[in-house]
């Protein structure tokens, strides 16, 4: 097999790529990957332990084999990018946990991404670097796949047969990721030197150094033209004009995002406050914060966003700039 890894049940198919993901209990991760558009198959199993004889679930649970509960994901790159699968993976795990995920403890629950070819490896490392910036600690393994053994039959499709069974991934989060609107593979983040060249000083301070621009003295706080707002760094679509509302705060305010999966939510304890920071998924740009209970918002939610983090694409230019699908979907 190309790459020299062991996986006796895997058959390479034309137009189908493969990645191996370990994200805690494989029941939930298999359910998530099966739900993602463009995924051809997802198989629960054991990855990168003591390669040789296939292990049993009971043996892996001892924590002495080095195996991780993992899922082999086969996908059609024409329908979904590896970027999208990896960002969905990081949405449901906690990379700051070592030998654990959620309430589960043990080396078999260590998170990891195991790639079968160098092209996939480059993508995996690029996304891992983005995710590493979002966390003070990062333990997710990033390695070539060495071996994978299918788990026992009763583990395959476990949550389909047992809808009320244990799952450390919230079902609503799985449903949300299934509804992903945009593919982050279309909006890759440039390297740091290129970002510095692309942005103005204010844009760089806001998106890369978490600064906040002055209220009422920014480009979009009182602009309500028809169109969409995209990440200034990558062009990833973030907000639509139909969700923008007049706010007394002095910054652009939105009641919803175009795709909730394109927004990353992080705890922010700076300035002696408890807030939720919002960042862009593919670009990792600092955007601003989200607040609940806003009386001016039609639904109580306020995405308070820095204009310097955004680029506005007028409705009339969306088709020409590559946002035609969103134009038809949103307007």
Protein backbone atom coordinates (compact mmCIF):
# COMPACT_ATOMS: atom_id res chain seq x y z
CA UNK A 1 0.00 0.00 0.00
CA UNK A 2 1.30 3.50 -0.84
CA UNK A 3 2.99 5.02 2.20
CA UNK A 4 3.52 1.60 3.72
CA UNK A 5 0.81 1.67 6.37
CA UNK A 6 -1.27 -1.29 7.50
CA UNK A 7 -5.03 -1.21 6.94
CA UNK A 8 -6.32 -4.52 5.67
CA UNK A 9 -9.89 -3.36 5.06
CA UNK A 10 -9.00 -0.21 3.09
CA UNK A 11 -9.23 -0.24 -0.69
CA UNK A 12 -8.07 2.85 -2.53
CA UNK A 13 -10.73 4.14 -4.91
CA UNK A 14 -10.35 6.61 -7.79
CA UNK A 15 -11.38 10.11 -6.79
CA UNK A 16 -11.62 9.22 -3.09
CA UNK A 17 -9.11 10.44 -0.47
CA UNK A 18 -8.57 9.17 3.08
CA UNK A 19 -7.71 10.65 6.48
CA UNK A 20 -7.65 9.05 9.95
CA UNK A 21 -9.04 11.03 12.90
CA UNK A 22 -8.91 10.26 16.63
CA UNK A 23 -11.23 12.41 18.71
CA UNK A 24 -12.22 10.53 21.82
CA UNK A 25 -14.93 7.87 21.75
CA UNK A 26 -15.19 6.80 18.12
CA UNK A 27 -18.97 6.39 18.24
CA UNK A 28 -19.57 10.13 18.13
CA UNK A 29 -16.79 10.95 15.69
CA UNK A 30 -18.01 8.29 13.26
CA UNK A 31 -21.54 9.73 13.51
CA UNK A 32 -20.22 13.22 12.76
CA UNK A 33 -18.12 12.18 9.79
CA UNK A 34 -20.95 10.12 8.30
CA UNK A 35 -23.09 13.28 8.42
CA UNK A 36 -20.61 15.47 6.53
CA UNK A 37 -21.53 16.07 2.87
CA UNK A 38 -18.94 14.48 0.60
CA UNK A 39 -17.88 11.75 3.02
CA UNK A 40 -18.04 8.36 1.31
CA UNK A 41 -17.51 6.18 4.38
CA UNK A 42 -16.44 6.38 8.02
CA UNK A 43 -15.19 3.29 9.86
CA UNK A 44 -14.39 3.07 13.57
CA UNK A 45 -11.12 1.43 14.52
CA UNK A 46 -7.78 1.59 16.28
CA UNK A 47 -4.88 3.68 14.95
CA UNK A 48 -1.12 3.92 15.42
CA UNK A 49 -0.51 1.59 18.34
CA UNK A 50 1.66 -1.49 18.51
CA UNK A 51 1.25 -2.49 14.88
CA UNK A 52 1.11 -6.19 14.15
CA UNK A 53 -1.78 -8.26 15.40
CA UNK A 54 -5.20 -6.61 15.40
CA UNK A 55 -6.15 -5.50 18.93
CA UNK A 56 -9.47 -6.03 20.68
CA UNK A 57 -11.56 -3.31 22.29
CA UNK A 58 -10.90 -4.84 25.70
CA UNK A 59 -7.15 -4.73 25.12
CA UNK A 60 -7.18 -1.15 23.83
CA UNK A 61 -9.19 -0.10 26.90
CA UNK A 62 -6.28 -1.13 29.13
CA UNK A 63 -4.38 1.88 27.83
CA UNK A 64 -1.22 -0.18 27.30
CA UNK A 65 -1.28 -0.68 23.52
CA UNK A 66 -0.69 2.86 22.28
CA UNK A 67 -3.75 2.59 20.04
CA UNK A 68 -6.17 5.50 19.68
CA UNK A 69 -9.87 5.09 19.08
CA UNK A 70 -10.08 6.56 15.58
CA UNK A 71 -12.19 6.80 12.46
CA UNK A 72 -11.02 6.15 8.91
CA UNK A 73 -12.71 8.81 6.79
CA UNK A 74 -12.94 8.38 3.03
CA UNK A 75 -14.17 11.46 1.21
CA UNK A 76 -14.64 12.97 -2.23
CA UNK A 77 -12.36 16.04 -2.51
CA UNK A 78 -14.60 17.40 -5.26
CA UNK A 79 -17.45 17.66 -2.74
CA UNK A 80 -15.66 18.50 0.50
CA UNK A 81 -12.13 19.63 1.26
CA UNK A 82 -9.78 18.14 3.83
CA UNK A 83 -9.75 21.64 5.36
CA UNK A 84 -13.49 21.36 6.02
CA UNK A 85 -13.17 17.93 7.62
CA UNK A 86 -10.31 19.06 9.84
CA UNK A 87 -12.00 22.25 11.00
CA UNK A 88 -15.13 20.19 11.79
CA UNK A 89 -12.92 17.78 13.73
CA UNK A 90 -11.38 20.58 15.77
CA UNK A 91 -14.86 22.00 16.41
CA UNK A 92 -15.81 18.86 18.38
CA UNK A 93 -12.57 18.10 20.24
CA UNK A 94 -10.50 19.85 22.88
CA UNK A 95 -6.87 19.79 21.70
CA UNK A 96 -5.67 21.10 25.05
CA UNK A 97 -6.60 17.75 26.66
CA UNK A 98 -3.96 15.03 26.81
CA UNK A 99 -5.02 11.36 26.89
CA UNK A 100 -8.63 12.44 27.25
CA UNK A 101 -11.66 13.84 25.45
CA UNK A 102 -14.74 15.07 27.23
CA UNK A 103 -15.37 12.88 30.27
CA UNK A 104 -13.35 9.96 28.88
CA UNK A 105 -9.86 9.34 30.23
CA UNK A 106 -7.13 7.06 28.92
CA UNK A 107 -4.47 6.95 26.22
CA UNK A 108 -7.00 5.44 23.79
CA UNK A 109 -8.86 8.78 23.87
CA UNK A 110 -5.85 10.89 22.85
CA UNK A 111 -6.79 13.11 19.92
CA UNK A 112 -4.83 12.82 16.71
CA UNK A 113 -4.77 13.26 12.96
CA UNK A 114 -2.98 10.61 10.92
CA UNK A 115 -2.37 11.18 7.23
CA UNK A 116 -1.62 8.69 4.45
CA UNK A 117 0.29 10.89 1.98
CA UNK A 118 2.45 13.98 2.06
CA UNK A 119 -0.08 16.22 0.29
CA UNK A 120 -2.58 15.48 3.05
CA UNK A 121 0.20 15.93 5.60
CA UNK A 122 0.86 19.47 4.41
CA UNK A 123 -2.82 20.34 4.78
CA UNK A 124 -2.99 18.70 8.20
CA UNK A 125 0.05 20.61 9.45
CA UNK A 126 -1.28 23.90 8.08
CA UNK A 127 -4.65 23.51 9.81
CA UNK A 128 -3.01 22.26 13.02
CA UNK A 129 -0.82 25.38 13.06
CA UNK A 130 -3.93 27.56 12.81
CA UNK A 131 -5.66 25.66 15.60
CA UNK A 132 -2.51 25.70 17.75
CA UNK A 133 -2.68 29.51 17.78
CA UNK A 134 -6.14 29.36 19.38
CA UNK A 135 -5.09 27.32 22.41
CA UNK A 136 -2.60 27.83 25.23
CA UNK A 137 -1.84 24.10 25.13
CA UNK A 138 -2.06 21.76 22.16
CA UNK A 139 -1.69 17.99 22.43
CA UNK A 140 -3.41 16.71 19.27
CA UNK A 141 -1.04 14.28 17.54
CA UNK A 142 -0.12 15.00 13.92
CA UNK A 143 1.57 11.97 12.39
CA UNK A 144 1.63 9.70 9.34
CA UNK A 145 -0.70 6.72 9.68
CA UNK A 146 1.25 3.56 10.53
CA UNK A 147 -1.59 1.12 11.07
CA UNK A 148 -5.34 0.97 11.46
CA UNK A 149 -7.51 -1.97 12.45
CA UNK A 150 -11.30 -2.00 12.15
CA UNK A 151 -13.11 -2.07 15.47
CA UNK A 152 -15.54 -4.89 16.19
CA UNK A 153 -18.82 -4.96 14.28
CA UNK A 154 -20.89 -3.79 17.24
CA UNK A 155 -18.98 -0.49 17.24
CA UNK A 156 -19.76 0.29 13.60
CA UNK A 157 -22.68 2.70 13.25
CA UNK A 158 -23.30 2.33 16.97
CA UNK A 159 -25.29 5.56 17.34
CA UNK A 160 -27.44 4.74 14.32
CA UNK A 161 -28.52 1.53 16.02
CA UNK A 162 -28.63 3.13 19.47
CA UNK A 163 -29.86 6.73 19.00
CA UNK A 164 -29.90 7.32 22.73
CA UNK A 165 -26.43 5.85 23.23
CA UNK A 166 -23.50 7.64 24.82
CA UNK A 167 -21.95 10.40 22.69
CA UNK A 168 -19.54 13.04 23.97
CA UNK A 169 -20.31 15.22 20.93
CA UNK A 170 -23.61 17.13 21.26
CA UNK A 171 -26.13 16.01 18.64
CA UNK A 172 -27.01 19.62 17.83
CA UNK A 173 -23.36 20.31 17.02
CA UNK A 174 -23.34 17.37 14.61
CA UNK A 175 -26.49 18.73 12.96
CA UNK A 176 -24.93 22.20 12.73
CA UNK A 177 -21.76 20.92 11.09
CA UNK A 178 -23.84 18.90 8.65
CA UNK A 179 -25.42 22.20 7.53
CA UNK A 180 -22.08 23.87 6.74
CA UNK A 181 -22.65 26.56 4.12
CA UNK A 182 -19.13 27.43 2.96
CA UNK A 183 -16.04 25.27 2.50
CA UNK A 184 -12.95 26.71 4.22
CA UNK A 185 -10.77 24.98 1.64
CA UNK A 186 -11.74 27.78 -0.72
CA UNK A 187 -10.32 30.43 1.64
CA UNK A 188 -6.84 29.37 2.70
CA UNK A 189 -4.89 31.61 5.05
CA UNK A 190 -1.72 33.14 3.54
CA UNK A 191 1.57 32.89 5.41
CA UNK A 192 2.35 35.53 8.01
CA UNK A 193 4.67 37.54 5.77
CA UNK A 194 2.02 37.72 3.06
CA UNK A 195 -0.63 38.78 5.59
CA UNK A 196 1.60 41.64 6.74
CA UNK A 197 1.95 42.78 3.12
CA UNK A 198 -1.79 42.54 2.41
CA UNK A 199 -3.12 44.49 5.39
CA UNK A 200 -3.02 48.09 6.50
CA UNK A 201 -1.52 48.86 9.88
CA UNK A 202 -4.98 49.07 11.51
CA UNK A 203 -6.19 45.88 9.84
CA UNK A 204 -3.08 44.05 11.03
CA UNK A 205 -3.41 45.31 14.60
CA UNK A 206 -7.04 44.22 14.80
CA UNK A 207 -6.89 40.85 13.06
CA UNK A 208 -3.43 39.68 14.11
CA UNK A 209 -2.86 41.45 17.43
CA UNK A 210 -6.42 41.42 18.82
CA UNK A 211 -6.74 45.20 18.89
CA UNK A 212 -10.07 47.07 18.90
CA UNK A 213 -10.72 50.02 16.61
CA UNK A 214 -12.46 53.18 17.92
CA UNK A 215 -16.28 53.16 17.95
CA UNK A 216 -18.04 55.42 15.44
CA UNK A 217 -14.73 55.95 13.62
CA UNK A 218 -14.63 52.86 11.45
CA UNK A 219 -15.74 52.00 7.95
CA UNK A 220 -18.92 49.98 8.40
CA UNK A 221 -20.58 50.89 11.73
CA UNK A 222 -23.36 52.84 9.99
CA UNK A 223 -23.26 51.26 6.52
CA UNK A 224 -26.24 49.19 5.39
CA UNK A 225 -25.62 48.56 1.70
CA UNK A 226 -26.80 45.24 0.29
CA UNK A 227 -24.08 42.59 0.16
CA UNK A 228 -21.85 40.43 2.33
CA UNK A 229 -18.92 40.98 4.68
CA UNK A 230 -15.93 38.66 4.32
CA UNK A 231 -12.73 38.04 6.27
CA UNK A 232 -10.21 40.70 5.22
CA UNK A 233 -7.44 38.07 5.28
CA UNK A 234 -8.96 35.13 3.39
CA UNK A 235 -12.22 36.31 1.83
CA UNK A 236 -14.21 33.70 3.77
CA UNK A 237 -17.87 34.87 3.96
CA UNK A 238 -18.89 35.84 7.49
CA UNK A 239 -21.92 38.14 7.64
CA UNK A 240 -24.74 39.31 5.36
CA UNK A 241 -26.25 42.78 5.17
CA UNK A 242 -29.68 41.36 5.97
CA UNK A 243 -28.46 40.46 9.47
CA UNK A 244 -26.85 43.84 10.14
CA UNK A 245 -28.80 46.23 12.37
CA UNK A 246 -28.48 49.74 13.76
CA UNK A 247 -26.64 49.64 17.06
CA UNK A 248 -25.66 52.37 19.51
CA UNK A 249 -22.33 50.65 20.24
CA UNK A 250 -20.49 52.28 17.32
CA UNK A 251 -19.24 49.07 15.69
CA UNK A 252 -20.82 46.92 12.96
CA UNK A 253 -23.43 44.71 14.65
CA UNK A 254 -24.97 41.53 13.27
CA UNK A 255 -27.68 39.29 14.70
CA UNK A 256 -26.34 36.14 12.98
CA UNK A 257 -23.46 34.80 10.89
CA UNK A 258 -23.86 33.45 7.37
CA UNK A 259 -22.49 30.12 8.60
CA UNK A 260 -22.05 29.56 12.32
CA UNK A 261 -19.37 27.00 11.48
CA UNK A 262 -17.21 29.74 9.93
CA UNK A 263 -16.97 31.46 13.33
CA UNK A 264 -14.70 30.27 16.15
CA UNK A 265 -15.77 31.10 19.71
CA UNK A 266 -13.13 31.47 22.42
CA UNK A 267 -13.25 32.50 26.07
CA UNK A 268 -11.74 35.94 26.58
CA UNK A 269 -10.68 37.02 30.09
CA UNK A 270 -8.79 40.14 29.04
CA UNK A 271 -9.35 43.58 30.63
CA UNK A 272 -10.83 41.89 33.73
CA UNK A 273 -13.94 40.89 31.79
CA UNK A 274 -15.61 37.60 30.90
CA UNK A 275 -16.39 37.72 27.18
CA UNK A 276 -16.62 35.44 24.17
CA UNK A 277 -14.22 36.35 21.40
CA UNK A 278 -15.11 35.53 17.80
CA UNK A 279 -12.49 34.68 15.19
CA UNK A 280 -12.69 33.58 11.59
CA UNK A 281 -12.36 29.85 10.96
CA UNK A 282 -9.91 29.67 8.04
CA UNK A 283 -8.01 32.91 8.63
CA UNK A 284 -7.99 32.90 12.45
CA UNK A 285 -8.54 36.66 12.28
CA UNK A 286 -9.69 38.36 15.45
CA UNK A 287 -13.12 39.75 14.54
CA UNK A 288 -14.60 41.02 17.80
CA UNK A 289 -16.98 39.58 20.41
CA UNK A 290 -20.46 38.12 20.68
CA UNK A 291 -22.99 39.23 23.29
CA UNK A 292 -26.41 37.90 24.28
CA UNK A 293 -29.38 39.86 25.56
CA UNK A 294 -28.80 42.87 23.32
CA UNK A 295 -32.06 44.86 23.30
CA UNK A 296 -31.37 46.43 19.91
CA UNK A 297 -30.84 43.08 18.19
CA UNK A 298 -33.91 41.42 16.63
CA UNK A 299 -32.99 38.11 18.29
CA UNK A 300 -30.96 39.33 21.28
CA UNK A 301 -27.62 38.29 19.76
CA UNK A 302 -25.01 40.88 18.87
CA UNK A 303 -21.88 40.05 16.94
CA UNK A 304 -19.85 43.18 17.69
CA UNK A 305 -17.29 43.23 14.88
CA UNK A 306 -14.35 45.44 13.95
CA UNK A 307 -14.69 47.02 10.52
CA UNK A 308 -10.95 46.52 10.03
CA UNK A 309 -11.47 42.74 10.08
CA UNK A 310 -13.96 42.89 7.21
CA UNK A 311 -14.15 43.50 3.49
CA UNK A 312 -17.52 44.41 2.01
CA UNK A 313 -18.64 42.77 -1.23
CA UNK A 314 -21.59 44.64 -2.79
CA UNK A 315 -24.53 42.55 -3.97
CA UNK A 316 -23.88 43.64 -7.56
CA UNK A 317 -20.30 42.31 -7.43
CA UNK A 318 -20.88 39.01 -5.62
CA UNK A 319 -21.10 36.90 -8.77
CA UNK A 320 -17.94 38.39 -10.27
CA UNK A 321 -16.01 37.94 -7.02
CA UNK A 322 -16.90 34.26 -6.70
CA UNK A 323 -19.83 34.48 -4.28
CA UNK A 324 -22.58 33.66 -6.76
CA UNK A 325 -23.87 30.66 -4.79
CA UNK A 326 -24.28 32.82 -1.69
CA UNK A 327 -25.96 35.54 -3.71
CA UNK A 328 -28.63 33.08 -4.79
CA UNK A 329 -28.89 31.57 -1.32
CA UNK A 330 -29.07 34.77 0.73
CA UNK A 331 -30.88 37.27 -1.46
